[in-house]
Amino acid sequence: MTVVGWYVHHHGAGHLTRFLAVRPHLDAEIAVLSSLPAPAVLPPRTTWTVLPRDDEPSVRPDGTVRLPQDSSPTASGLLHWAPLRHAGHTARLAAIAQCIAERDPSAFVVDVSAEVTLFVRLLGVPIVLMTQPGERTDEPHALAFRAAERIVAPWPDGVHPAGPLDAVRAAVRWVGGVSRYDGRGDSDVEPGHVVVLGAASAGQVAAAAAATPTARWTTLGGPGGVWADEPWEFLRRAEIVVSAAGQNSVADLAAVGARAVIVAQDRPFGEQAATARALASAGLAIVVDAWPEAEDWPALLERARELRPEWERWQTAGAARRAADVIAEVAE
């Protein structure tokens, strides 16, 4: 029986979404470890261990409160996050070690963490590291890249400039954009329908809607937005999607063939800015640096309507299966 460990980072929902997209294509028992709670419906043959947090104040036995950011978390730049004498951090790594000792995984997927990558490799388990775009030239990333048996880049080869992955190119597998909606079906566009995915405040959307009276705006998630466990029906009916530049969001846009306006959000290592530049260079979306003024939206929507994006260049079709194949190769 093949067992694969899988670390799901807790920031945002993208890492969990990617796991859920890849999981059906992997014939193995999966032991997930994450600070996130388990999803409402856990995939078959999958266990979920909730890890202690290492980013909250820690109370020592003598009552002293220690903030992790004040406890040398970077080890003088060698690591990203490993606070000294933090009970949650210690318990977190102990839980990972216990899982490995008990389950004996043949491979371990890390999405994403330099520290977990190094720790699991020190425990003698081969790593499949999910990576992200951006300026990842620092020492912790370089260590993690070198420690991994394989590195999965969930975008097409060549859409980002040469960077740190070139130094470990033999280990990298560019699988294309991983979307939960790959193969879901065709769009059924409703003219004038604009759907916003996590790119603006309620006030910003309201001002844009007031400036474009012939359009109907729907915001998914966030304050004042519509909550949808299944955003597909909104995306397939949108004439234009206004979205941040996260990896999962972009892959979903590619899967539905959307005409899109991209507003990159500020993220560590310039991840979304890098993706936005790649989309603009490929002519796949209208890209803006910040949320536009209300009076700019009529022209922006018109430019988006004129797009004929060749989203097949993002190689979303089959990407989740290709990622699973990389994991299976290492596990075998």
C-alpha atoms as a PDB file:
ATOM      1  CA  MET A   1       0.000   0.000   0.000  1.00  0.00           C
ATOM      2  CA  THR A   2       1.521   3.299  -1.110  1.00  0.00           C
ATOM      3  CA  VAL A   3       1.270   6.130   1.418  1.00  0.00           C
ATOM      4  CA  VAL A   4       1.966   9.744   0.497  1.00  0.00           C
ATOM      5  CA  GLY A   5       2.264  12.557   3.029  1.00  0.00           C
ATOM      6  CA  TRP A   6       0.973  15.995   2.060  1.00  0.00           C
ATOM      7  CA  TYR A   7       1.557  19.316   3.800  1.00  0.00           C
ATOM      8  CA  VAL A   8      -1.101  21.945   2.963  1.00  0.00           C
ATOM      9  CA  HIS A   9      -0.160  25.510   3.882  1.00  0.00           C
ATOM     10  CA  HIS A  10      -2.887  27.405   5.722  1.00  0.00           C
ATOM     11  CA  HIS A  11      -2.561  30.827   4.065  1.00  0.00           C
ATOM     12  CA  GLY A  12      -5.610  31.402   1.867  1.00  0.00           C
ATOM     13  CA  ALA A  13      -7.560  28.595   0.227  1.00  0.00           C
ATOM     14  CA  GLY A  14      -5.361  27.976  -2.806  1.00  0.00           C
ATOM     15  CA  HIS A  15      -3.158  25.219  -1.394  1.00  0.00           C
ATOM     16  CA  LEU A  16      -6.182  23.230  -0.235  1.00  0.00           C
ATOM     17  CA  THR A  17      -7.927  23.777  -3.563  1.00  0.00           C
ATOM     18  CA  ARG A  18      -4.880  22.467  -5.420  1.00  0.00           C
ATOM     19  CA  PHE A  19      -4.739  19.377  -3.196  1.00  0.00           C
ATOM     20  CA  LEU A  20      -8.413  18.637  -3.864  1.00  0.00           C
ATOM     21  CA  ALA A  21      -7.842  19.003  -7.621  1.00  0.00           C
ATOM     22  CA  VAL A  22      -4.863  16.621  -7.698  1.00  0.00           C
ATOM     23  CA  ARG A  23      -6.083  14.055  -5.137  1.00  0.00           C
ATOM     24  CA  PRO A  24      -8.552  12.159  -7.386  1.00  0.00           C
ATOM     25  CA  HIS A  25      -5.741  11.338  -9.821  1.00  0.00           C
ATOM     26  CA  LEU A  26      -3.440   9.768  -7.235  1.00  0.00           C
ATOM     27  CA  ASP A  27      -3.820   6.078  -6.385  1.00  0.00           C
ATOM     28  CA  ALA A  28      -2.447   6.111  -2.848  1.00  0.00           C
ATOM     29  CA  GLU A  29      -3.330   6.559   0.787  1.00  0.00           C
ATOM     30  CA  ILE A  30      -2.847  10.245   1.605  1.00  0.00           C
ATOM     31  CA  ALA A  31      -1.930  11.587   5.042  1.00  0.00           C
ATOM     32  CA  VAL A  32      -2.571  15.350   5.048  1.00  0.00           C
ATOM     33  CA  LEU A  33      -1.073  17.657   7.662  1.00  0.00           C
ATOM     34  CA  SER A  34      -2.212  21.264   7.876  1.00  0.00           C
ATOM     35  CA  SER A  35      -3.234  24.044  10.236  1.00  0.00           C
ATOM     36  CA  LEU A  36      -6.464  24.221   8.249  1.00  0.00           C
ATOM     37  CA  PRO A  37      -9.494  22.243   9.407  1.00  0.00           C
ATOM     38  CA  ALA A  38     -10.362  19.241   7.280  1.00  0.00           C
ATOM     39  CA  PRO A  39     -12.757  19.965   4.429  1.00  0.00           C
ATOM     40  CA  ALA A  40     -16.406  19.062   5.019  1.00  0.00           C
ATOM     41  CA  VAL A  41     -16.073  16.120   2.648  1.00  0.00           C
ATOM     42  CA  LEU A  42     -12.736  14.367   2.905  1.00  0.00           C
ATOM     43  CA  PRO A  43     -11.683  12.397  -0.191  1.00  0.00           C
ATOM     44  CA  PRO A  44     -11.629   8.601   0.192  1.00  0.00           C
ATOM     45  CA  ARG A  45      -8.422   7.016   1.520  1.00  0.00           C
ATOM     46  CA  THR A  46      -7.382  10.348   3.026  1.00  0.00           C
ATOM     47  CA  THR A  47      -6.616  11.228   6.648  1.00  0.00           C
ATOM     48  CA  TRP A  48      -6.280  14.785   7.951  1.00  0.00           C
ATOM     49  CA  THR A  49      -4.168  15.893  10.918  1.00  0.00           C
ATOM     50  CA  VAL A  50      -4.683  19.454  12.154  1.00  0.00           C
ATOM     51  CA  LEU A  51      -1.312  20.899  13.149  1.00  0.00           C
ATOM     52  CA  PRO A  52      -0.722  23.329  16.037  1.00  0.00           C
ATOM     53  CA  ARG A  53      -0.159  26.934  14.941  1.00  0.00           C
ATOM     54  CA  ASP A  54       3.309  28.440  15.020  1.00  0.00           C
ATOM     55  CA  ASP A  55       2.286  32.020  14.275  1.00  0.00           C
ATOM     56  CA  GLU A  56       0.412  32.841  17.496  1.00  0.00           C
ATOM     57  CA  PRO A  57       1.769  34.083  20.861  1.00  0.00           C
ATOM     58  CA  SER A  58       3.282  31.298  22.954  1.00  0.00           C
ATOM     59  CA  VAL A  59       2.909  31.145  26.724  1.00  0.00           C
ATOM     60  CA  ARG A  60       5.837  29.588  28.587  1.00  0.00           C
ATOM     61  CA  PRO A  61       5.353  27.561  31.814  1.00  0.00           C
ATOM     62  CA  ASP A  62       6.420  30.598  33.866  1.00  0.00           C
ATOM     63  CA  GLY A  63       3.647  32.682  32.265  1.00  0.00           C
ATOM     64  CA  THR A  64       5.925  34.582  29.892  1.00  0.00           C
ATOM     65  CA  VAL A  65       4.240  35.457  26.601  1.00  0.00           C
ATOM     66  CA  ARG A  66       6.492  35.225  23.574  1.00  0.00           C
ATOM     67  CA  LEU A  67       5.597  36.587  20.151  1.00  0.00           C
ATOM     68  CA  PRO A  68       6.965  34.317  17.415  1.00  0.00           C
ATOM     69  CA  GLN A  69       8.118  37.254  15.283  1.00  0.00           C
ATOM     70  CA  ASP A  70      10.341  38.351  18.187  1.00  0.00           C
ATOM     71  CA  SER A  71      11.905  34.905  18.612  1.00  0.00           C
ATOM     72  CA  SER A  72      14.471  34.838  15.810  1.00  0.00           C
ATOM     73  CA  PRO A  73      12.158  33.036  13.355  1.00  0.00           C
ATOM     74  CA  THR A  74      14.495  33.348  10.359  1.00  0.00           C
ATOM     75  CA  ALA A  75      17.676  31.994  12.023  1.00  0.00           C
ATOM     76  CA  SER A  76      19.647  34.913  10.583  1.00  0.00           C
ATOM     77  CA  GLY A  77      18.135  34.468   7.125  1.00  0.00           C
ATOM     78  CA  LEU A  78      18.676  30.716   6.861  1.00  0.00           C
ATOM     79  CA  LEU A  79      14.937  29.966   7.220  1.00  0.00           C
ATOM     80  CA  HIS A  80      11.609  31.702   6.651  1.00  0.00           C
ATOM     81  CA  TRP A  81       9.836  30.756   9.885  1.00  0.00           C
ATOM     82  CA  ALA A  82      11.148  28.747  12.835  1.00  0.00           C
ATOM     83  CA  PRO A  83      10.626  30.765  16.054  1.00  0.00           C
ATOM     84  CA  LEU A  84      12.774  29.787  19.016  1.00  0.00           C
ATOM     85  CA  ARG A  85      11.161  28.107  22.025  1.00  0.00           C
ATOM     86  CA  HIS A  86       7.669  28.294  20.563  1.00  0.00           C
ATOM     87  CA  ALA A  87       5.490  25.453  21.832  1.00  0.00           C
ATOM     88  CA  GLY A  88       3.270  25.442  18.759  1.00  0.00           C
ATOM     89  CA  HIS A  89       6.224  25.267  16.399  1.00  0.00           C
ATOM     90  CA  THR A  90       7.776  22.405  18.367  1.00  0.00           C
ATOM     91  CA  ALA A  91       4.489  20.486  18.531  1.00  0.00           C
ATOM     92  CA  ARG A  92       3.907  21.092  14.824  1.00  0.00           C
ATOM     93  CA  LEU A  93       7.163  19.462  13.768  1.00  0.00           C
ATOM     94  CA  ALA A  94       6.685  16.676  16.311  1.00  0.00           C
ATOM     95  CA  ALA A  95       3.299  15.848  14.745  1.00  0.00           C
ATOM     96  CA  ILE A  96       4.870  15.679  11.292  1.00  0.00           C
ATOM     97  CA  ALA A  97       7.626  13.405  12.591  1.00  0.00           C
ATOM     98  CA  GLN A  98       5.066  11.170  14.324  1.00  0.00           C
ATOM     99  CA  CYS A  99       3.037  10.847  11.129  1.00  0.00           C
ATOM    100  CA  ILE A 100       6.134   9.836   9.182  1.00  0.00           C
ATOM    101  CA  ALA A 101       7.194   7.326  11.838  1.00  0.00           C
ATOM    102  CA  GLU A 102       3.741   5.731  11.934  1.00  0.00           C
ATOM    103  CA  ARG A 103       2.710   5.875   8.261  1.00  0.00           C
ATOM    104  CA  ASP A 104       6.112   5.481   6.542  1.00  0.00           C
ATOM    105  CA  PRO A 105       5.208   7.519   3.442  1.00  0.00           C
ATOM    106  CA  SER A 106       6.970   6.728   0.181  1.00  0.00           C
ATOM    107  CA  ALA A 107       6.916  10.423  -0.756  1.00  0.00           C
ATOM    108  CA  PHE A 108       5.872  13.679   0.842  1.00  0.00           C
ATOM    109  CA  VAL A 109       4.268  16.609  -0.983  1.00  0.00           C
ATOM    110  CA  VAL A 110       4.976  20.052   0.486  1.00  0.00           C
ATOM    111  CA  ASP A 111       2.668  22.880  -0.624  1.00  0.00           C
ATOM    112  CA  VAL A 112       4.447  25.087   0.493  1.00  0.00           C
ATOM    113  CA  SER A 113       7.113  25.540   3.195  1.00  0.00           C
ATOM    114  CA  ALA A 114      10.907  25.619   3.106  1.00  0.00           C
ATOM    115  CA  GLU A 115      11.053  24.462   6.729  1.00  0.00           C
ATOM    116  CA  VAL A 116       8.754  21.469   6.257  1.00  0.00           C
ATOM    117  CA  THR A 117      10.662  20.536   3.105  1.00  0.00           C
ATOM    118  CA  LEU A 118      13.987  20.479   4.955  1.00  0.00           C
ATOM    119  CA  PHE A 119      12.578  18.783   8.054  1.00  0.00           C
ATOM    120  CA  VAL A 120      10.882  15.950   6.145  1.00  0.00           C
ATOM    121  CA  ARG A 121      13.972  15.435   3.991  1.00  0.00           C
ATOM    122  CA  LEU A 122      16.078  15.184   7.171  1.00  0.00           C
ATOM    123  CA  LEU A 123      13.674  12.445   8.281  1.00  0.00           C
ATOM    124  CA  GLY A 124      14.600  10.554   5.132  1.00  0.00           C
ATOM    125  CA  VAL A 125      11.478  10.973   2.992  1.00  0.00           C
ATOM    126  CA  PRO A 126      11.715  12.121  -0.660  1.00  0.00           C
ATOM    127  CA  ILE A 127      10.051  15.466  -1.299  1.00  0.00           C
ATOM    128  CA  VAL A 128       7.761  16.681  -4.059  1.00  0.00           C
ATOM    129  CA  LEU A 129       7.726  20.451  -3.607  1.00  0.00           C
ATOM    130  CA  MET A 130       4.923  22.576  -5.028  1.00  0.00           C
ATOM    131  CA  THR A 131       6.377  25.951  -5.904  1.00  0.00           C
ATOM    132  CA  GLN A 132       5.028  29.374  -6.813  1.00  0.00           C
ATOM    133  CA  PRO A 133       6.241  32.158  -9.106  1.00  0.00           C
ATOM    134  CA  GLY A 134       7.963  35.343  -7.990  1.00  0.00           C
ATOM    135  CA  GLU A 135      11.356  36.438  -6.718  1.00  0.00           C
ATOM    136  CA  ARG A 136      12.356  33.291  -4.829  1.00  0.00           C
ATOM    137  CA  THR A 137      16.101  33.794  -4.898  1.00  0.00           C
ATOM    138  CA  ASP A 138      16.633  33.823  -1.115  1.00  0.00           C
ATOM    139  CA  GLU A 139      18.623  31.190   0.756  1.00  0.00           C
ATOM    140  CA  PRO A 140      15.640  29.312   2.286  1.00  0.00           C
ATOM    141  CA  HIS A 141      14.082  28.786  -1.143  1.00  0.00           C
ATOM    142  CA  ALA A 142      17.411  27.715  -2.615  1.00  0.00           C
ATOM    143  CA  LEU A 143      17.824  25.127   0.165  1.00  0.00           C
ATOM    144  CA  ALA A 144      14.296  23.803  -0.313  1.00  0.00           C
ATOM    145  CA  PHE A 145      14.693  23.554  -4.093  1.00  0.00           C
ATOM    146  CA  ARG A 146      17.925  21.581  -3.709  1.00  0.00           C
ATOM    147  CA  ALA A 147      16.415  19.270  -1.071  1.00  0.00           C
ATOM    148  CA  ALA A 148      13.416  18.287  -3.210  1.00  0.00           C
ATOM    149  CA  GLU A 149      13.413  15.197  -5.392  1.00  0.00           C
ATOM    150  CA  ARG A 150      10.924  16.868  -7.739  1.00  0.00           C
ATOM    151  CA  ILE A 151       9.546  20.397  -7.974  1.00  0.00           C
ATOM    152  CA  VAL A 152       6.063  20.881  -9.424  1.00  0.00           C
ATOM    153  CA  ALA A 153       5.570  24.266 -11.084  1.00  0.00           C
ATOM    154  CA  PRO A 154       1.819  24.733 -11.712  1.00  0.00           C
ATOM    155  CA  TRP A 155       2.199  26.890 -14.800  1.00  0.00           C
ATOM    156  CA  PRO A 156       3.546  26.290 -18.328  1.00  0.00           C
ATOM    157  CA  ASP A 157       7.269  26.222 -18.962  1.00  0.00           C
ATOM    158  CA  GLY A 158       8.521  29.471 -20.421  1.00  0.00           C
ATOM    159  CA  VAL A 159       5.836  31.903 -19.210  1.00  0.00           C
ATOM    160  CA  HIS A 160       8.084  33.282 -16.459  1.00  0.00           C
ATOM    161  CA  PRO A 161      11.616  34.666 -16.927  1.00  0.00           C
ATOM    162  CA  ALA A 162      14.648  32.553 -16.081  1.00  0.00           C
ATOM    163  CA  GLY A 163      15.064  32.402 -12.330  1.00  0.00           C
ATOM    164  CA  PRO A 164      16.076  30.203  -9.401  1.00  0.00           C
ATOM    165  CA  LEU A 165      14.402  27.120 -10.885  1.00  0.00           C
ATOM    166  CA  ASP A 166      17.027  27.112 -13.635  1.00  0.00           C
ATOM    167  CA  ALA A 167      19.620  25.978 -11.097  1.00  0.00           C
ATOM    168  CA  VAL A 168      17.561  22.834 -10.370  1.00  0.00           C
ATOM    169  CA  ARG A 169      15.922  22.478 -13.772  1.00  0.00           C
ATOM    170  CA  ALA A 170      16.428  18.696 -13.921  1.00  0.00           C
ATOM    171  CA  ALA A 171      14.097  18.333 -10.929  1.00  0.00           C
ATOM    172  CA  VAL A 172      11.371  20.709 -12.166  1.00  0.00           C
ATOM    173  CA  ARG A 173       8.177  19.547 -13.829  1.00  0.00           C
ATOM    174  CA  TRP A 174       6.079  22.318 -15.381  1.00  0.00           C
ATOM    175  CA  VAL A 175       2.596  20.774 -15.365  1.00  0.00           C
ATOM    176  CA  GLY A 176       0.450  23.760 -16.406  1.00  0.00           C
ATOM    177  CA  GLY A 177      -2.223  25.525 -14.400  1.00  0.00           C
ATOM    178  CA  VAL A 178      -3.966  23.163 -11.970  1.00  0.00           C
ATOM    179  CA  SER A 179      -7.724  23.833 -11.916  1.00  0.00           C
ATOM    180  CA  ARG A 180     -10.531  22.027 -10.151  1.00  0.00           C
ATOM    181  CA  TYR A 181     -12.638  22.797 -13.229  1.00  0.00           C
ATOM    182  CA  ASP A 182     -10.516  21.050 -15.836  1.00  0.00           C
ATOM    183  CA  GLY A 183     -12.897  19.285 -18.209  1.00  0.00           C
ATOM    184  CA  ARG A 184     -15.983  20.571 -16.395  1.00  0.00           C
ATOM    185  CA  GLY A 185     -17.797  21.837 -19.503  1.00  0.00           C
ATOM    186  CA  ASP A 186     -18.442  24.852 -21.687  1.00  0.00           C
ATOM    187  CA  SER A 187     -19.277  28.429 -20.778  1.00  0.00           C
ATOM    188  CA  ASP A 188     -22.750  29.905 -21.246  1.00  0.00           C
ATOM    189  CA  VAL A 189     -22.053  33.625 -21.228  1.00  0.00           C
ATOM    190  CA  GLU A 190     -24.643  36.136 -20.071  1.00  0.00           C
ATOM    191  CA  PRO A 191     -23.864  39.477 -21.792  1.00  0.00           C
ATOM    192  CA  GLY A 192     -23.096  42.249 -19.335  1.00  0.00           C
ATOM    193  CA  HIS A 193     -22.440  39.936 -16.371  1.00  0.00           C
ATOM    194  CA  VAL A 194     -19.221  40.861 -14.529  1.00  0.00           C
ATOM    195  CA  VAL A 195     -17.992  38.508 -11.797  1.00  0.00           C
ATOM    196  CA  VAL A 196     -15.401  39.655  -9.250  1.00  0.00           C
ATOM    197  CA  LEU A 197     -13.083  37.136  -7.560  1.00  0.00           C
ATOM    198  CA  GLY A 198     -11.321  38.455  -4.473  1.00  0.00           C
ATOM    199  CA  ALA A 199      -9.852  41.551  -6.072  1.00  0.00           C
ATOM    200  CA  ALA A 200     -11.660  44.466  -4.411  1.00  0.00           C
ATOM    201  CA  SER A 201     -13.644  45.847  -1.497  1.00  0.00           C
ATOM    202  CA  ALA A 202     -17.413  46.165  -1.566  1.00  0.00           C
ATOM    203  CA  GLY A 203     -17.087  49.937  -1.970  1.00  0.00           C
ATOM    204  CA  GLN A 204     -14.782  49.623  -4.952  1.00  0.00           C
ATOM    205  CA  VAL A 205     -17.132  47.202  -6.695  1.00  0.00           C
ATOM    206  CA  ALA A 206     -20.134  49.422  -5.954  1.00  0.00           C
ATOM    207  CA  ALA A 207     -18.386  52.428  -7.513  1.00  0.00           C
ATOM    208  CA  ALA A 208     -17.419  50.400 -10.603  1.00  0.00           C
ATOM    209  CA  ALA A 209     -20.983  49.142 -10.963  1.00  0.00           C
ATOM    210  CA  ALA A 210     -22.377  52.674 -10.717  1.00  0.00           C
ATOM    211  CA  ALA A 211     -20.020  53.748 -13.518  1.00  0.00           C
ATOM    212  CA  THR A 212     -21.157  50.887 -15.789  1.00  0.00           C
ATOM    213  CA  PRO A 213     -24.965  50.873 -15.572  1.00  0.00           C
ATOM    214  CA  THR A 214     -25.400  48.400 -18.431  1.00  0.00           C
ATOM    215  CA  ALA A 215     -23.362  45.762 -16.584  1.00  0.00           C
ATOM    216  CA  ARG A 216     -24.507  43.461 -13.762  1.00  0.00           C
ATOM    217  CA  TRP A 217     -21.783  42.938 -11.161  1.00  0.00           C
ATOM    218  CA  THR A 218     -21.527  39.923  -8.830  1.00  0.00           C
ATOM    219  CA  THR A 219     -18.833  39.601  -6.173  1.00  0.00           C
ATOM    220  CA  LEU A 220     -17.939  36.113  -4.942  1.00  0.00           C
ATOM    221  CA  GLY A 221     -16.771  35.941  -1.344  1.00  0.00           C
ATOM    222  CA  GLY A 222     -15.593  38.730   0.920  1.00  0.00           C
ATOM    223  CA  PRO A 223     -17.679  41.359   2.743  1.00  0.00           C
ATOM    224  CA  GLY A 224     -20.898  42.033   0.863  1.00  0.00           C
ATOM    225  CA  GLY A 225     -20.211  39.294  -1.661  1.00  0.00           C
ATOM    226  CA  VAL A 226     -22.068  36.122  -2.563  1.00  0.00           C
ATOM    227  CA  TRP A 227     -20.720  32.966  -0.947  1.00  0.00           C
ATOM    228  CA  ALA A 228     -20.567  30.076  -3.387  1.00  0.00           C
ATOM    229  CA  ASP A 229     -19.197  26.664  -2.497  1.00  0.00           C
ATOM    230  CA  GLU A 230     -19.250  26.035  -6.237  1.00  0.00           C
ATOM    231  CA  PRO A 231     -18.183  29.198  -8.174  1.00  0.00           C
ATOM    232  CA  TRP A 232     -18.205  27.351 -11.506  1.00  0.00           C
ATOM    233  CA  GLU A 233     -21.762  28.362 -12.401  1.00  0.00           C
ATOM    234  CA  PHE A 234     -20.881  32.030 -11.908  1.00  0.00           C
ATOM    235  CA  LEU A 235     -17.674  31.775 -13.910  1.00  0.00           C
ATOM    236  CA  ARG A 236     -19.197  29.969 -16.865  1.00  0.00           C
ATOM    237  CA  ARG A 237     -21.910  32.626 -17.168  1.00  0.00           C
ATOM    238  CA  ALA A 238     -19.659  35.660 -16.727  1.00  0.00           C
ATOM    239  CA  GLU A 239     -18.986  37.795 -19.742  1.00  0.00           C
ATOM    240  CA  ILE A 240     -15.986  39.264 -17.917  1.00  0.00           C
ATOM    241  CA  VAL A 241     -14.213  38.106 -14.758  1.00  0.00           C
ATOM    242  CA  VAL A 242     -12.302  40.576 -12.585  1.00  0.00           C
ATOM    243  CA  SER A 243      -9.806  38.565 -10.567  1.00  0.00           C
ATOM    244  CA  ALA A 244      -6.677  38.605  -8.484  1.00  0.00           C
ATOM    245  CA  ALA A 245      -3.669  36.787  -9.938  1.00  0.00           C
ATOM    246  CA  GLY A 246      -3.459  33.764  -7.648  1.00  0.00           C
ATOM    247  CA  GLN A 247      -2.413  30.499  -9.243  1.00  0.00           C
ATOM    248  CA  ASN A 248      -5.740  28.742  -8.709  1.00  0.00           C
ATOM    249  CA  SER A 249      -7.794  31.722  -9.855  1.00  0.00           C
ATOM    250  CA  VAL A 250      -5.805  32.015 -13.070  1.00  0.00           C
ATOM    251  CA  ALA A 251      -6.056  28.282 -13.736  1.00  0.00           C
ATOM    252  CA  ASP A 252      -9.835  28.469 -13.231  1.00  0.00           C
ATOM    253  CA  LEU A 253     -10.010  31.379 -15.686  1.00  0.00           C
ATOM    254  CA  ALA A 254      -8.108  29.273 -18.197  1.00  0.00           C
ATOM    255  CA  ALA A 255     -10.396  26.273 -17.648  1.00  0.00           C
ATOM    256  CA  VAL A 256     -13.509  28.350 -18.388  1.00  0.00           C
ATOM    257  CA  GLY A 257     -11.878  30.384 -21.176  1.00  0.00           C
ATOM    258  CA  ALA A 258     -12.694  33.666 -19.467  1.00  0.00           C
ATOM    259  CA  ARG A 259     -12.213  37.201 -20.694  1.00  0.00           C
ATOM    260  CA  ALA A 260     -10.579  38.728 -17.659  1.00  0.00           C
ATOM    261  CA  VAL A 261      -9.319  41.882 -16.001  1.00  0.00           C
ATOM    262  CA  ILE A 262      -6.502  40.981 -13.602  1.00  0.00           C
ATOM    263  CA  VAL A 263      -5.738  43.083 -10.516  1.00  0.00           C
ATOM    264  CA  ALA A 264      -2.631  41.604  -8.879  1.00  0.00           C
ATOM    265  CA  GLN A 265      -2.621  41.580  -5.075  1.00  0.00           C
ATOM    266  CA  ASP A 266       0.424  42.229  -2.904  1.00  0.00           C
ATOM    267  CA  ARG A 267       1.835  38.816  -1.952  1.00  0.00           C
ATOM    268  CA  PRO A 268       5.176  37.577  -0.570  1.00  0.00           C
ATOM    269  CA  PHE A 269       7.972  37.402  -3.136  1.00  0.00           C
ATOM    270  CA  GLY A 270       5.844  39.238  -5.700  1.00  0.00           C
ATOM    271  CA  GLU A 271       3.967  36.063  -6.648  1.00  0.00           C
ATOM    272  CA  GLN A 272       0.867  37.688  -8.124  1.00  0.00           C
ATOM    273  CA  ALA A 273       2.783  40.517  -9.776  1.00  0.00           C
ATOM    274  CA  ALA A 274       4.890  37.932 -11.611  1.00  0.00           C
ATOM    275  CA  THR A 275       1.809  36.041 -12.771  1.00  0.00           C
ATOM    276  CA  ALA A 276       0.117  39.250 -13.905  1.00  0.00           C
ATOM    277  CA  ARG A 277       3.175  40.164 -16.002  1.00  0.00           C
ATOM    278  CA  ALA A 278       3.126  36.722 -17.595  1.00  0.00           C
ATOM    279  CA  LEU A 279      -0.569  37.030 -18.470  1.00  0.00           C
ATOM    280  CA  ALA A 280      -0.092  40.492 -19.948  1.00  0.00           C
ATOM    281  CA  SER A 281       2.903  39.367 -21.998  1.00  0.00           C
ATOM    282  CA  ALA A 282       0.929  36.411 -23.375  1.00  0.00           C
ATOM    283  CA  GLY A 283      -2.095  38.563 -24.189  1.00  0.00           C
ATOM    284  CA  LEU A 284      -4.359  36.385 -22.050  1.00  0.00           C
ATOM    285  CA  ALA A 285      -5.941  39.122 -19.935  1.00  0.00           C
ATOM    286  CA  ILE A 286      -6.193  42.850 -19.339  1.00  0.00           C
ATOM    287  CA  VAL A 287      -3.804  43.580 -16.472  1.00  0.00           C
ATOM    288  CA  VAL A 288      -3.855  46.629 -14.180  1.00  0.00           C
ATOM    289  CA  ASP A 289      -1.483  47.470 -11.330  1.00  0.00           C
ATOM    290  CA  ALA A 290      -4.212  48.460  -8.864  1.00  0.00           C
ATOM    291  CA  TRP A 291      -7.981  48.673  -8.658  1.00  0.00           C
ATOM    292  CA  PRO A 292      -8.955  51.254 -11.296  1.00  0.00           C
ATOM    293  CA  GLU A 293     -10.874  54.453 -10.690  1.00  0.00           C
ATOM    294  CA  ALA A 294     -14.606  54.133 -11.296  1.00  0.00           C
ATOM    295  CA  GLU A 295     -14.511  56.211 -14.471  1.00  0.00           C
ATOM    296  CA  ASP A 296     -11.936  53.857 -16.014  1.00  0.00           C
ATOM    297  CA  TRP A 297     -14.205  50.803 -15.911  1.00  0.00           C
ATOM    298  CA  PRO A 298     -16.322  51.366 -19.037  1.00  0.00           C
ATOM    299  CA  ALA A 299     -13.194  51.387 -21.233  1.00  0.00           C
ATOM    300  CA  LEU A 300     -11.653  48.449 -19.347  1.00  0.00           C
ATOM    301  CA  LEU A 301     -14.737  46.297 -19.793  1.00  0.00           C
ATOM    302  CA  GLU A 302     -14.826  47.142 -23.480  1.00  0.00           C
ATOM    303  CA  ARG A 303     -11.157  46.145 -23.869  1.00  0.00           C
ATOM    304  CA  ALA A 304     -11.881  42.873 -22.060  1.00  0.00           C
ATOM    305  CA  ARG A 305     -14.830  42.122 -24.371  1.00  0.00           C
ATOM    306  CA  GLU A 306     -12.496  42.419 -27.335  1.00  0.00           C
ATOM    307  CA  LEU A 307     -10.095  39.815 -25.977  1.00  0.00           C
ATOM    308  CA  ARG A 308      -9.733  36.481 -27.741  1.00  0.00           C
ATOM    309  CA  PRO A 309      -7.501  34.778 -25.157  1.00  0.00           C
ATOM    310  CA  GLU A 310      -5.703  31.597 -26.181  1.00  0.00           C
ATOM    311  CA  TRP A 311      -6.021  30.064 -22.730  1.00  0.00           C
ATOM    312  CA  GLU A 312      -4.853  26.678 -23.990  1.00  0.00           C
ATOM    313  CA  ARG A 313      -1.373  28.188 -23.662  1.00  0.00           C
ATOM    314  CA  TRP A 314      -1.807  27.935 -19.874  1.00  0.00           C
ATOM    315  CA  GLN A 315      -1.989  24.134 -20.313  1.00  0.00           C
ATOM    316  CA  THR A 316      -4.760  23.578 -17.789  1.00  0.00           C
ATOM    317  CA  ALA A 317      -6.123  20.498 -19.552  1.00  0.00           C
ATOM    318  CA  GLY A 318      -4.644  17.471 -17.765  1.00  0.00           C
ATOM    319  CA  ALA A 319      -2.505  19.542 -15.370  1.00  0.00           C
ATOM    320  CA  ALA A 320      -3.852  17.945 -12.173  1.00  0.00           C
ATOM    321  CA  ARG A 321      -3.165  14.474 -13.565  1.00  0.00           C
ATOM    322  CA  ARG A 322       0.345  15.492 -14.619  1.00  0.00           C
ATOM    323  CA  ALA A 323       1.011  16.728 -11.077  1.00  0.00           C
ATOM    324  CA  ALA A 324      -0.263  13.424  -9.684  1.00  0.00           C
ATOM    325  CA  ASP A 325       1.990  11.524 -12.088  1.00  0.00           C
ATOM    326  CA  VAL A 326       5.023  13.391 -10.739  1.00  0.00           C
ATOM    327  CA  ILE A 327       4.074  12.439  -7.180  1.00  0.00           C
ATOM    328  CA  ALA A 328       3.472   8.804  -8.155  1.00  0.00           C
ATOM    329  CA  GLU A 329       6.836   8.665  -9.907  1.00  0.00           C
ATOM    330  CA  VAL A 330       8.646   9.732  -6.742  1.00  0.00           C
ATOM    331  CA  ALA A 331       6.541   7.447  -4.521  1.00  0.00           C
ATOM    332  CA  GLU A 332       7.400   4.465  -6.692  1.00  0.00           C
END
